Amino acid sequence: MTAVDWQLVPVFVVIAAAVVYLGLMVQRSWKASKSGCGGGCGCASKASRTAAENRQATLISGDELTSRLRSPRDS
């Protein structure tokens, strides 16, 4: 075995481990529950209701927008 041959074994092991890891992550994301715990306890409906209530738009005042602008004198 030459020096390059024995280095290929760990390289293939690392690549195989990365492929397995990525495959598990893809499978987990596809099979993930959409909301709630999936136990039928009603937490999904509570979560979607509170999320809808929290979607109110918050506006930023003009003073807050311009407070971080630098004037030409500050440079």
Protein backbone atom coordinates (compact mmCIF):
# COMPACT_ATOMS: atom_id res chain seq x y z
CA MET A 1 0.00 0.00 0.00
CA THR A 2 1.35 3.41 -0.90
CA ALA A 3 0.96 6.57 1.14
CA VAL A 4 -1.96 7.73 -0.97
CA ASP A 5 -3.86 4.45 -0.72
CA TRP A 6 -4.22 4.45 3.06
CA GLN A 7 -5.38 8.09 3.02
CA LEU A 8 -8.28 7.23 0.74
CA VAL A 9 -9.90 5.01 3.38
CA PRO A 10 -10.44 7.81 5.93
CA VAL A 11 -11.54 10.16 3.17
CA PHE A 12 -14.23 7.73 2.03
CA VAL A 13 -15.33 7.17 5.64
CA VAL A 14 -15.72 10.92 6.22
CA ILE A 15 -17.61 11.37 2.95
CA ALA A 16 -19.91 8.43 3.75
CA ALA A 17 -20.60 9.84 7.22
CA ALA A 18 -21.44 13.24 5.71
CA VAL A 19 -23.82 11.67 3.19
CA VAL A 20 -25.56 9.68 5.93
CA TYR A 21 -25.85 12.78 8.10
CA LEU A 22 -27.32 14.86 5.28
CA GLY A 23 -29.74 12.07 4.44
CA LEU A 24 -30.95 11.92 8.03
CA MET A 25 -31.41 15.69 8.15
CA VAL A 26 -33.42 15.67 4.91
CA GLN A 27 -35.58 12.82 6.16
CA ARG A 28 -36.15 14.59 9.48
CA SER A 29 -37.19 17.82 7.76
CA TRP A 30 -39.63 16.00 5.45
CA LYS A 31 -41.24 14.04 8.27
CA ALA A 32 -41.36 16.91 10.78
CA SER A 33 -44.74 17.79 12.19
CA LYS A 34 -46.07 21.00 10.74
CA SER A 35 -47.07 22.54 14.07
CA GLY A 36 -47.63 21.47 17.61
CA CYS A 37 -46.59 18.20 19.15
CA GLY A 38 -48.86 15.99 17.05
CA GLY A 39 -50.36 14.40 20.13
CA GLY A 40 -53.91 15.62 19.65
CA CYS A 41 -53.75 17.91 22.67
CA GLY A 42 -54.85 20.99 20.73
CA CYS A 43 -51.57 22.85 21.08
CA ALA A 44 -51.39 23.35 17.30
CA SER A 45 -54.62 25.31 17.24
CA LYS A 46 -53.46 27.40 20.20
CA ALA A 47 -50.15 28.14 18.51
CA SER A 48 -51.73 29.17 15.22
CA ARG A 49 -54.27 31.36 17.03
CA THR A 50 -51.62 33.22 19.04
CA ALA A 51 -49.43 33.61 15.96
CA ALA A 52 -52.33 35.24 14.11
CA GLU A 53 -52.90 37.60 17.04
CA ASN A 54 -49.20 38.58 17.12
CA ARG A 55 -49.02 39.52 13.42
CA GLN A 56 -49.86 43.15 14.04
CA ALA A 57 -47.62 45.52 12.13
CA THR A 58 -45.23 47.56 14.22
CA LEU A 59 -44.14 50.81 12.65
CA ILE A 60 -40.80 52.45 13.23
CA SER A 61 -40.89 56.17 13.90
CA GLY A 62 -38.91 58.59 11.76
CA ASP A 63 -36.71 59.51 14.72
CA GLU A 64 -35.66 55.89 15.17
CA LEU A 65 -34.87 55.57 11.46
CA THR A 66 -32.63 58.62 11.37
CA SER A 67 -31.05 58.28 14.82
CA ARG A 68 -28.11 56.22 13.54
CA LEU A 69 -27.34 58.27 10.46
CA ARG A 70 -24.01 60.03 10.56
CA SER A 71 -23.77 63.64 9.73
CA PRO A 72 -20.90 64.80 7.48
CA ARG A 73 -19.31 66.45 10.54
CA ASP A 74 -18.97 63.08 12.36
CA SER A 75 -16.68 61.57 9.73
